[in-house]
Amino acid sequence: MSADVHKDEARSDSGAVDGGMVEGGMSDPEYLSLERELTFLFRRARANQGEMAREVHPDLESAAYGLLVRLEEYGRQRATELAAYIGVGKATMSRQLRALEELGLIAREPDPADGRAWLVDLTDEGRRRVTHVRAARRERYVSQLSHWDRREVAELARLLHQLNGVMEK
């Protein structure tokens, strides 16, 4: 990408590293560019997640949106599984689930395999809202990337999947 792609970002490769080669290629322009673009992407993703959360429900916390998406994609799960996926503790997860339950977006039921545990799932209303917001987001991608060749979109998805796999380790 060219340096003028993100007009709101100050772009300069000079000064990021002292100009010399650092062992391991950390000052290579490709890695500097990757770091810059990922930082921009993650910042934009956080902002978009907040917008999508508010579209699901005006009182929904941004962080809770990921829980709803996870439940939509994988179905009912234990709170401990959700906490591990999101990377939060039991107390934080419990607070988030309580808030989602109060909004009518999720419901809890006893786990038939372990009476001490609870399974969490989307309510019909929660599923309807999350499905609607995710469909609208995909439509935005289609609109924004309509000038891209579908093979480029597929390649981007493949590379992001590969990157996510490496970052998960």
N, C-alpha and C. Protein backbone atom coordinates (compact mmCIF):
# COMPACT_ATOMS: atom_id res chain seq x y z
N MET A 1 0.84 -1.18 0.00
CA MET A 1 0.00 0.00 0.00
C MET A 1 0.88 1.23 0.00
N SER A 2 0.41 2.27 -0.58
CA SER A 2 1.20 3.49 -0.62
C SER A 2 1.05 4.25 0.68
N ALA A 3 1.96 5.16 0.92
CA ALA A 3 1.98 5.91 2.18
C ALA A 3 0.78 6.83 2.33
N ASP A 4 0.09 7.18 1.25
CA ASP A 4 -1.03 8.11 1.36
C ASP A 4 -2.37 7.43 1.55
N VAL A 5 -2.38 6.12 1.73
CA VAL A 5 -3.63 5.38 1.88
C VAL A 5 -4.39 5.83 3.11
N HIS A 6 -3.68 6.05 4.21
CA HIS A 6 -4.32 6.40 5.47
C HIS A 6 -3.97 7.85 5.79
N LYS A 7 -4.74 8.75 5.27
CA LYS A 7 -4.43 10.17 5.39
C LYS A 7 -4.43 10.65 6.83
N ASP A 8 -5.18 9.95 7.71
CA ASP A 8 -5.22 10.38 9.09
C ASP A 8 -4.08 9.81 9.93
N GLU A 9 -3.21 9.05 9.32
CA GLU A 9 -2.09 8.45 10.02
C GLU A 9 -0.80 9.13 9.59
N ALA A 10 0.02 9.51 10.53
CA ALA A 10 1.33 10.05 10.20
C ALA A 10 2.21 8.88 9.78
N ARG A 11 2.75 8.95 8.59
CA ARG A 11 3.53 7.84 8.04
C ARG A 11 4.97 8.27 7.84
N SER A 12 5.87 7.52 8.44
CA SER A 12 7.28 7.75 8.20
C SER A 12 8.05 6.52 8.57
N ASP A 13 8.80 5.97 7.64
CA ASP A 13 9.64 4.84 7.96
C ASP A 13 10.93 5.31 8.62
N SER A 14 11.31 6.58 8.40
CA SER A 14 12.54 7.07 9.02
C SER A 14 12.27 7.35 10.49
N GLY A 15 13.23 7.01 11.31
CA GLY A 15 13.08 7.26 12.73
C GLY A 15 12.38 6.14 13.48
N ALA A 16 11.68 5.25 12.80
CA ALA A 16 11.02 4.15 13.48
C ALA A 16 12.07 3.23 14.11
N VAL A 17 13.16 3.04 13.40
CA VAL A 17 14.32 2.29 13.88
C VAL A 17 15.50 3.17 13.51
N ASP A 18 16.61 3.01 14.15
CA ASP A 18 17.72 3.95 13.97
C ASP A 18 18.30 3.98 12.56
N GLY A 19 17.70 3.30 11.63
CA GLY A 19 18.16 3.35 10.24
C GLY A 19 19.06 2.19 9.88
N GLY A 20 19.65 1.54 10.87
CA GLY A 20 20.51 0.40 10.60
C GLY A 20 19.70 -0.88 10.60
N MET A 21 20.32 -1.92 10.07
CA MET A 21 19.65 -3.22 10.08
C MET A 21 19.69 -3.79 11.48
N VAL A 22 18.58 -4.25 11.95
CA VAL A 22 18.49 -4.90 13.25
C VAL A 22 18.46 -6.39 13.00
N GLU A 23 19.15 -7.14 13.84
CA GLU A 23 19.18 -8.59 13.67
C GLU A 23 17.77 -9.14 13.62
N GLY A 24 17.52 -10.05 12.69
CA GLY A 24 16.19 -10.63 12.55
C GLY A 24 15.31 -9.87 11.58
N GLY A 25 15.84 -8.83 10.96
CA GLY A 25 15.09 -8.12 9.94
C GLY A 25 14.03 -7.17 10.47
N MET A 26 14.13 -6.76 11.74
CA MET A 26 13.07 -5.93 12.32
C MET A 26 12.99 -4.55 11.68
N SER A 27 14.03 -4.10 11.00
CA SER A 27 13.94 -2.80 10.35
C SER A 27 13.66 -2.92 8.86
N ASP A 28 13.43 -4.15 8.39
CA ASP A 28 13.09 -4.33 6.98
C ASP A 28 11.82 -3.56 6.67
N PRO A 29 11.80 -2.85 5.55
CA PRO A 29 10.62 -2.04 5.23
C PRO A 29 9.33 -2.87 5.13
N GLU A 30 9.44 -4.12 4.71
CA GLU A 30 8.23 -4.96 4.61
C GLU A 30 7.61 -5.18 5.98
N TYR A 31 8.44 -5.40 7.00
CA TYR A 31 7.91 -5.65 8.34
C TYR A 31 7.44 -4.36 9.01
N LEU A 32 8.12 -3.26 8.72
CA LEU A 32 7.64 -1.97 9.22
C LEU A 32 6.28 -1.65 8.61
N SER A 33 6.15 -1.89 7.32
CA SER A 33 4.87 -1.65 6.65
C SER A 33 3.79 -2.57 7.19
N LEU A 34 4.12 -3.85 7.41
CA LEU A 34 3.16 -4.79 7.97
C LEU A 34 2.70 -4.33 9.35
N GLU A 35 3.63 -3.94 10.19
CA GLU A 35 3.29 -3.49 11.53
C GLU A 35 2.37 -2.27 11.48
N ARG A 36 2.68 -1.33 10.61
CA ARG A 36 1.89 -0.11 10.48
C ARG A 36 0.47 -0.44 10.00
N GLU A 37 0.36 -1.28 8.99
CA GLU A 37 -0.96 -1.61 8.44
C GLU A 37 -1.79 -2.43 9.42
N LEU A 38 -1.16 -3.36 10.13
CA LEU A 38 -1.90 -4.13 11.13
C LEU A 38 -2.37 -3.24 12.27
N THR A 39 -1.53 -2.31 12.71
CA THR A 39 -1.93 -1.38 13.76
C THR A 39 -3.15 -0.59 13.31
N PHE A 40 -3.11 -0.10 12.09
CA PHE A 40 -4.25 0.66 11.56
C PHE A 40 -5.50 -0.23 11.46
N LEU A 41 -5.33 -1.46 10.96
CA LEU A 41 -6.44 -2.39 10.83
C LEU A 41 -7.06 -2.71 12.19
N PHE A 42 -6.21 -2.99 13.19
CA PHE A 42 -6.72 -3.33 14.52
C PHE A 42 -7.45 -2.15 15.16
N ARG A 43 -6.93 -0.95 14.97
CA ARG A 43 -7.58 0.24 15.51
C ARG A 43 -8.96 0.43 14.86
N ARG A 44 -9.01 0.26 13.55
CA ARG A 44 -10.28 0.39 12.84
C ARG A 44 -11.24 -0.73 13.25
N ALA A 45 -10.72 -1.94 13.43
CA ALA A 45 -11.56 -3.07 13.84
C ALA A 45 -12.19 -2.82 15.21
N ARG A 46 -11.40 -2.27 16.14
CA ARG A 46 -11.96 -1.96 17.47
C ARG A 46 -13.09 -0.94 17.35
N ALA A 47 -12.90 0.07 16.53
CA ALA A 47 -13.94 1.08 16.34
C ALA A 47 -15.18 0.46 15.70
N ASN A 48 -14.97 -0.37 14.69
CA ASN A 48 -16.09 -1.03 14.02
C ASN A 48 -16.83 -1.96 14.96
N GLN A 49 -16.09 -2.65 15.84
CA GLN A 49 -16.74 -3.56 16.78
C GLN A 49 -17.67 -2.77 17.71
N GLY A 50 -17.25 -1.59 18.11
CA GLY A 50 -18.11 -0.75 18.94
C GLY A 50 -19.38 -0.34 18.20
N GLU A 51 -19.22 0.01 16.93
CA GLU A 51 -20.39 0.38 16.12
C GLU A 51 -21.34 -0.79 15.96
N MET A 52 -20.79 -1.96 15.68
CA MET A 52 -21.63 -3.15 15.48
C MET A 52 -22.33 -3.54 16.78
N ALA A 53 -21.62 -3.40 17.90
CA ALA A 53 -22.24 -3.69 19.20
C ALA A 53 -23.44 -2.80 19.42
N ARG A 54 -23.30 -1.51 19.13
CA ARG A 54 -24.42 -0.57 19.31
C ARG A 54 -25.56 -0.87 18.34
N GLU A 55 -25.24 -1.40 17.17
CA GLU A 55 -26.30 -1.79 16.23
C GLU A 55 -27.09 -2.98 16.75
N VAL A 56 -26.42 -3.90 17.45
CA VAL A 56 -27.11 -5.04 18.04
C VAL A 56 -28.02 -4.54 19.15
N HIS A 57 -27.47 -3.69 20.02
CA HIS A 57 -28.26 -3.10 21.11
C HIS A 57 -27.53 -1.84 21.58
N PRO A 58 -28.24 -0.73 21.76
CA PRO A 58 -27.57 0.52 22.15
C PRO A 58 -26.78 0.43 23.46
N ASP A 59 -27.15 -0.49 24.35
CA ASP A 59 -26.48 -0.62 25.63
C ASP A 59 -25.42 -1.71 25.65
N LEU A 60 -25.15 -2.32 24.51
CA LEU A 60 -24.19 -3.42 24.45
C LEU A 60 -22.77 -2.90 24.48
N GLU A 61 -21.95 -3.46 25.37
CA GLU A 61 -20.53 -3.11 25.42
C GLU A 61 -19.82 -3.67 24.20
N SER A 62 -18.85 -2.95 23.72
CA SER A 62 -18.09 -3.36 22.55
C SER A 62 -17.49 -4.75 22.72
N ALA A 63 -16.90 -5.02 23.88
CA ALA A 63 -16.23 -6.30 24.11
C ALA A 63 -17.19 -7.47 24.05
N ALA A 64 -18.46 -7.25 24.39
CA ALA A 64 -19.43 -8.34 24.42
C ALA A 64 -19.87 -8.77 23.02
N TYR A 65 -19.65 -7.92 22.03
CA TYR A 65 -20.05 -8.27 20.66
C TYR A 65 -19.38 -9.56 20.21
N GLY A 66 -18.10 -9.72 20.52
CA GLY A 66 -17.37 -10.93 20.13
C GLY A 66 -17.97 -12.19 20.72
N LEU A 67 -18.52 -12.09 21.92
CA LEU A 67 -19.19 -13.24 22.53
C LEU A 67 -20.41 -13.65 21.73
N LEU A 68 -21.18 -12.65 21.31
CA LEU A 68 -22.38 -12.94 20.53
C LEU A 68 -22.04 -13.60 19.20
N VAL A 69 -21.00 -13.09 18.55
CA VAL A 69 -20.57 -13.68 17.27
C VAL A 69 -20.10 -15.12 17.49
N ARG A 70 -19.36 -15.34 18.55
CA ARG A 70 -18.88 -16.70 18.85
C ARG A 70 -20.06 -17.64 19.06
N LEU A 71 -21.07 -17.20 19.80
CA LEU A 71 -22.24 -18.04 20.03
C LEU A 71 -23.02 -18.28 18.74
N GLU A 72 -23.09 -17.27 17.88
CA GLU A 72 -23.79 -17.45 16.61
C GLU A 72 -23.08 -18.50 15.76
N GLU A 73 -21.76 -18.44 15.73
CA GLU A 73 -20.99 -19.34 14.88
C GLU A 73 -20.88 -20.76 15.43
N TYR A 74 -20.75 -20.90 16.75
CA TYR A 74 -20.46 -22.21 17.33
C TYR A 74 -21.56 -22.77 18.22
N GLY A 75 -22.62 -22.02 18.42
CA GLY A 75 -23.71 -22.53 19.25
C GLY A 75 -23.40 -22.42 20.73
N ARG A 76 -24.25 -23.03 21.51
CA ARG A 76 -24.14 -22.89 22.96
C ARG A 76 -22.83 -23.45 23.49
N GLN A 77 -22.33 -22.76 24.50
CA GLN A 77 -21.04 -23.10 25.09
C GLN A 77 -21.05 -22.79 26.58
N ARG A 78 -20.11 -23.38 27.27
CA ARG A 78 -19.92 -23.06 28.68
C ARG A 78 -19.26 -21.69 28.80
N ALA A 79 -19.55 -21.04 29.91
CA ALA A 79 -18.94 -19.73 30.18
C ALA A 79 -17.42 -19.84 30.22
N THR A 80 -16.90 -20.95 30.74
CA THR A 80 -15.45 -21.12 30.81
C THR A 80 -14.83 -21.19 29.41
N GLU A 81 -15.53 -21.81 28.47
CA GLU A 81 -15.04 -21.86 27.09
C GLU A 81 -15.02 -20.47 26.47
N LEU A 82 -16.08 -19.71 26.73
CA LEU A 82 -16.16 -18.34 26.20
C LEU A 82 -15.07 -17.46 26.82
N ALA A 83 -14.83 -17.61 28.11
CA ALA A 83 -13.80 -16.83 28.78
C ALA A 83 -12.43 -17.14 28.19
N ALA A 84 -12.17 -18.42 27.94
CA ALA A 84 -10.88 -18.80 27.35
C ALA A 84 -10.74 -18.24 25.94
N TYR A 85 -11.81 -18.29 25.17
CA TYR A 85 -11.78 -17.78 23.80
C TYR A 85 -11.50 -16.27 23.79
N ILE A 86 -12.20 -15.52 24.63
CA ILE A 86 -12.06 -14.07 24.67
C ILE A 86 -10.77 -13.68 25.40
N GLY A 87 -10.33 -14.51 26.33
CA GLY A 87 -9.11 -14.22 27.08
C GLY A 87 -9.37 -13.37 28.31
N VAL A 88 -10.46 -13.66 29.01
CA VAL A 88 -10.79 -12.93 30.23
C VAL A 88 -11.00 -13.92 31.37
N GLY A 89 -11.04 -13.41 32.56
CA GLY A 89 -11.26 -14.24 33.74
C GLY A 89 -12.72 -14.56 33.94
N LYS A 90 -12.94 -15.46 34.90
CA LYS A 90 -14.30 -15.93 35.20
C LYS A 90 -15.21 -14.78 35.67
N ALA A 91 -14.69 -13.90 36.51
CA ALA A 91 -15.50 -12.80 37.03
C ALA A 91 -15.92 -11.84 35.92
N THR A 92 -14.98 -11.52 35.04
CA THR A 92 -15.30 -10.63 33.91
C THR A 92 -16.33 -11.27 33.00
N MET A 93 -16.14 -12.56 32.71
CA MET A 93 -17.08 -13.27 31.84
C MET A 93 -18.46 -13.30 32.49
N SER A 94 -18.52 -13.57 33.75
CA SER A 94 -19.80 -13.62 34.45
C SER A 94 -20.52 -12.29 34.36
N ARG A 95 -19.78 -11.19 34.55
CA ARG A 95 -20.37 -9.85 34.45
C ARG A 95 -20.90 -9.58 33.05
N GLN A 96 -20.12 -9.94 32.02
CA GLN A 96 -20.55 -9.71 30.65
C GLN A 96 -21.77 -10.55 30.30
N LEU A 97 -21.77 -11.80 30.75
CA LEU A 97 -22.92 -12.67 30.46
C LEU A 97 -24.18 -12.18 31.17
N ARG A 98 -24.03 -11.71 32.39
CA ARG A 98 -25.17 -11.17 33.12
C ARG A 98 -25.77 -9.96 32.37
N ALA A 99 -24.89 -9.09 31.87
CA ALA A 99 -25.36 -7.92 31.11
C ALA A 99 -26.07 -8.36 29.83
N LEU A 100 -25.52 -9.34 29.12
CA LEU A 100 -26.15 -9.83 27.89
C LEU A 100 -27.50 -10.48 28.19
N GLU A 101 -27.58 -11.16 29.30
CA GLU A 101 -28.83 -11.79 29.70
C GLU A 101 -29.89 -10.73 30.02
N GLU A 102 -29.47 -9.68 30.72
CA GLU A 102 -30.40 -8.58 31.06
C GLU A 102 -30.91 -7.88 29.81
N LEU A 103 -30.10 -7.85 28.75
CA LEU A 103 -30.52 -7.24 27.49
C LEU A 103 -31.39 -8.19 26.66
N GLY A 104 -31.54 -9.42 27.12
CA GLY A 104 -32.36 -10.39 26.41
C GLY A 104 -31.69 -11.00 25.20
N LEU A 105 -30.35 -10.93 25.14
CA LEU A 105 -29.62 -11.43 23.97
C LEU A 105 -29.12 -12.86 24.15
N ILE A 106 -28.94 -13.28 25.40
CA ILE A 106 -28.51 -14.65 25.67
C ILE A 106 -29.38 -15.25 26.75
N ALA A 107 -29.32 -16.56 26.86
CA ALA A 107 -29.98 -17.29 27.95
C ALA A 107 -29.01 -18.36 28.44
N ARG A 108 -29.14 -18.68 29.71
CA ARG A 108 -28.31 -19.74 30.29
C ARG A 108 -29.21 -20.90 30.70
N GLU A 109 -28.64 -22.09 30.57
CA GLU A 109 -29.37 -23.29 31.00
C GLU A 109 -28.35 -24.24 31.61
N PRO A 110 -28.79 -25.08 32.55
CA PRO A 110 -27.85 -26.04 33.15
C PRO A 110 -27.28 -26.98 32.09
N ASP A 111 -26.00 -27.30 32.23
CA ASP A 111 -25.33 -28.24 31.34
C ASP A 111 -25.76 -29.65 31.74
N PRO A 112 -26.43 -30.38 30.84
CA PRO A 112 -26.88 -31.73 31.19
C PRO A 112 -25.73 -32.67 31.54
N ALA A 113 -24.53 -32.39 31.02
CA ALA A 113 -23.37 -33.24 31.29
C ALA A 113 -22.74 -32.93 32.65
N ASP A 114 -23.02 -31.75 33.21
CA ASP A 114 -22.44 -31.34 34.49
C ASP A 114 -23.38 -30.33 35.13
N GLY A 115 -24.15 -30.77 36.10
CA GLY A 115 -25.16 -29.93 36.74
C GLY A 115 -24.62 -28.68 37.40
N ARG A 116 -23.29 -28.63 37.65
CA ARG A 116 -22.70 -27.43 38.26
C ARG A 116 -22.42 -26.35 37.23
N ALA A 117 -22.34 -26.71 35.96
CA ALA A 117 -21.98 -25.77 34.89
C ALA A 117 -23.23 -25.30 34.15
N TRP A 118 -23.06 -24.17 33.46
CA TRP A 118 -24.14 -23.59 32.68
C TRP A 118 -23.73 -23.50 31.23
N LEU A 119 -24.69 -23.69 30.34
CA LEU A 119 -24.48 -23.47 28.91
C LEU A 119 -25.11 -22.13 28.55
N VAL A 120 -24.43 -21.40 27.70
CA VAL A 120 -24.89 -20.09 27.27
C VAL A 120 -25.22 -20.18 25.79
N ASP A 121 -26.33 -19.56 25.39
CA ASP A 121 -26.71 -19.54 23.98
C ASP A 121 -27.45 -18.24 23.69
N LEU A 122 -27.49 -17.90 22.41
CA LEU A 122 -28.25 -16.73 21.98
C LEU A 122 -29.74 -17.02 22.15
N THR A 123 -30.48 -15.98 22.51
CA THR A 123 -31.93 -16.08 22.44
C THR A 123 -32.33 -15.90 20.98
N ASP A 124 -33.57 -16.14 20.67
CA ASP A 124 -34.03 -15.91 19.29
C ASP A 124 -33.81 -14.45 18.90
N GLU A 125 -34.10 -13.54 19.82
CA GLU A 125 -33.90 -12.11 19.55
C GLU A 125 -32.42 -11.79 19.37
N GLY A 126 -31.57 -12.37 20.21
CA GLY A 126 -30.13 -12.16 20.09
C GLY A 126 -29.61 -12.66 18.76
N ARG A 127 -30.07 -13.84 18.35
CA ARG A 127 -29.64 -14.41 17.07
C ARG A 127 -30.11 -13.53 15.91
N ARG A 128 -31.34 -13.05 15.97
CA ARG A 128 -31.87 -12.20 14.91
C ARG A 128 -31.04 -10.92 14.77
N ARG A 129 -30.73 -10.30 15.89
CA ARG A 129 -29.98 -9.05 15.86
C ARG A 129 -28.54 -9.25 15.37
N VAL A 130 -27.87 -10.28 15.87
CA VAL A 130 -26.48 -10.53 15.46
C VAL A 130 -26.43 -10.88 13.98
N THR A 131 -27.34 -11.73 13.54
CA THR A 131 -27.37 -12.12 12.12
C THR A 131 -27.58 -10.90 11.24
N HIS A 132 -28.46 -10.01 11.65
CA HIS A 132 -28.74 -8.79 10.87
C HIS A 132 -27.49 -7.91 10.78
N VAL A 133 -26.82 -7.69 11.90
CA VAL A 133 -25.64 -6.81 11.92
C VAL A 133 -24.51 -7.42 11.10
N ARG A 134 -24.31 -8.73 11.23
CA ARG A 134 -23.23 -9.37 10.47
C ARG A 134 -23.51 -9.36 8.96
N ALA A 135 -24.76 -9.54 8.58
CA ALA A 135 -25.12 -9.47 7.15
C ALA A 135 -24.87 -8.07 6.61
N ALA A 136 -25.21 -7.06 7.41
CA ALA A 136 -24.98 -5.67 6.98
C ALA A 136 -23.48 -5.40 6.84
N ARG A 137 -22.68 -5.96 7.74
CA ARG A 137 -21.23 -5.78 7.65
C ARG A 137 -20.68 -6.44 6.39
N ARG A 138 -21.15 -7.65 6.08
CA ARG A 138 -20.69 -8.31 4.85
C ARG A 138 -21.10 -7.52 3.63
N GLU A 139 -22.28 -6.92 3.64
CA GLU A 139 -22.71 -6.08 2.51
C GLU A 139 -21.78 -4.88 2.35
N ARG A 140 -21.32 -4.32 3.48
CA ARG A 140 -20.36 -3.21 3.40
C ARG A 140 -19.05 -3.68 2.77
N TYR A 141 -18.60 -4.88 3.13
CA TYR A 141 -17.38 -5.42 2.52
C TYR A 141 -17.58 -5.57 1.02
N VAL A 142 -18.71 -6.11 0.61
CA VAL A 142 -19.00 -6.30 -0.81
C VAL A 142 -18.96 -4.95 -1.52
N SER A 143 -19.60 -3.96 -0.93
CA SER A 143 -19.63 -2.63 -1.53
C SER A 143 -18.23 -2.00 -1.59
N GLN A 144 -17.50 -2.07 -0.48
CA GLN A 144 -16.18 -1.43 -0.41
C GLN A 144 -15.15 -2.12 -1.29
N LEU A 145 -15.31 -3.42 -1.50
CA LEU A 145 -14.32 -4.17 -2.27
C LEU A 145 -14.85 -4.59 -3.64
N SER A 146 -15.91 -3.95 -4.09
CA SER A 146 -16.52 -4.35 -5.36
C SER A 146 -15.56 -4.17 -6.55
N HIS A 147 -14.60 -3.28 -6.43
CA HIS A 147 -13.64 -3.07 -7.52
C HIS A 147 -12.48 -4.08 -7.46
N TRP A 148 -12.42 -4.90 -6.42
CA TRP A 148 -11.39 -5.93 -6.32
C TRP A 148 -11.82 -7.16 -7.09
N ASP A 149 -10.86 -7.85 -7.64
CA ASP A 149 -11.11 -9.15 -8.24
C ASP A 149 -11.43 -10.13 -7.10
N ARG A 150 -12.39 -11.02 -7.32
CA ARG A 150 -12.78 -11.99 -6.27
C ARG A 150 -11.60 -12.85 -5.83
N ARG A 151 -10.66 -13.11 -6.74
CA ARG A 151 -9.48 -13.89 -6.35
C ARG A 151 -8.63 -13.12 -5.35
N GLU A 152 -8.60 -11.78 -5.48
CA GLU A 152 -7.86 -10.97 -4.51
C GLU A 152 -8.53 -11.03 -3.14
N VAL A 153 -9.85 -10.98 -3.12
CA VAL A 153 -10.58 -11.08 -1.86
C VAL A 153 -10.31 -12.45 -1.22
N ALA A 154 -10.36 -13.50 -2.03
CA ALA A 154 -10.10 -14.85 -1.52
C ALA A 154 -8.66 -14.95 -1.02
N GLU A 155 -7.72 -14.35 -1.72
CA GLU A 155 -6.32 -14.39 -1.30
C GLU A 155 -6.13 -13.62 0.01
N LEU A 156 -6.78 -12.47 0.14
CA LEU A 156 -6.70 -11.72 1.39
C LEU A 156 -7.25 -12.56 2.54
N ALA A 157 -8.39 -13.18 2.34
CA ALA A 157 -8.98 -14.03 3.38
C ALA A 157 -8.04 -15.18 3.73
N ARG A 158 -7.43 -15.79 2.73
CA ARG A 158 -6.49 -16.89 2.97
C ARG A 158 -5.29 -16.42 3.78
N LEU A 159 -4.72 -15.28 3.40
CA LEU A 159 -3.55 -14.76 4.11
C LEU A 159 -3.90 -14.34 5.53
N LEU A 160 -5.05 -13.74 5.73
CA LEU A 160 -5.47 -13.37 7.09
C LEU A 160 -5.69 -14.61 7.94
N HIS A 161 -6.26 -15.65 7.35
CA HIS A 161 -6.45 -16.91 8.07
C HIS A 161 -5.10 -17.48 8.47
N GLN A 162 -4.17 -17.45 7.56
CA GLN A 162 -2.83 -17.95 7.83
C GLN A 162 -2.18 -17.12 8.94
N LEU A 163 -2.30 -15.80 8.88
CA LEU A 163 -1.74 -14.92 9.89
C LEU A 163 -2.38 -15.18 11.25
N ASN A 164 -3.69 -15.33 11.29
CA ASN A 164 -4.37 -15.62 12.55
C ASN A 164 -3.88 -16.93 13.16
N GLY A 165 -3.63 -17.92 12.32
CA GLY A 165 -3.11 -19.20 12.81
C GLY A 165 -1.73 -19.05 13.44
N VAL A 166 -0.88 -18.27 12.81
CA VAL A 166 0.47 -18.04 13.35
C VAL A 166 0.40 -17.26 14.65
N MET A 167 -0.47 -16.25 14.70
CA MET A 167 -0.56 -15.41 15.89
C MET A 167 -1.21 -16.14 17.07
N GLU A 168 -1.96 -17.19 16.80
CA GLU A 168 -2.62 -17.95 17.85
C GLU A 168 -1.63 -18.79 18.63
N LYS A 169 -0.51 -19.11 18.02
CA LYS A 169 0.48 -20.01 18.64
C LYS A 169 1.30 -19.31 19.69
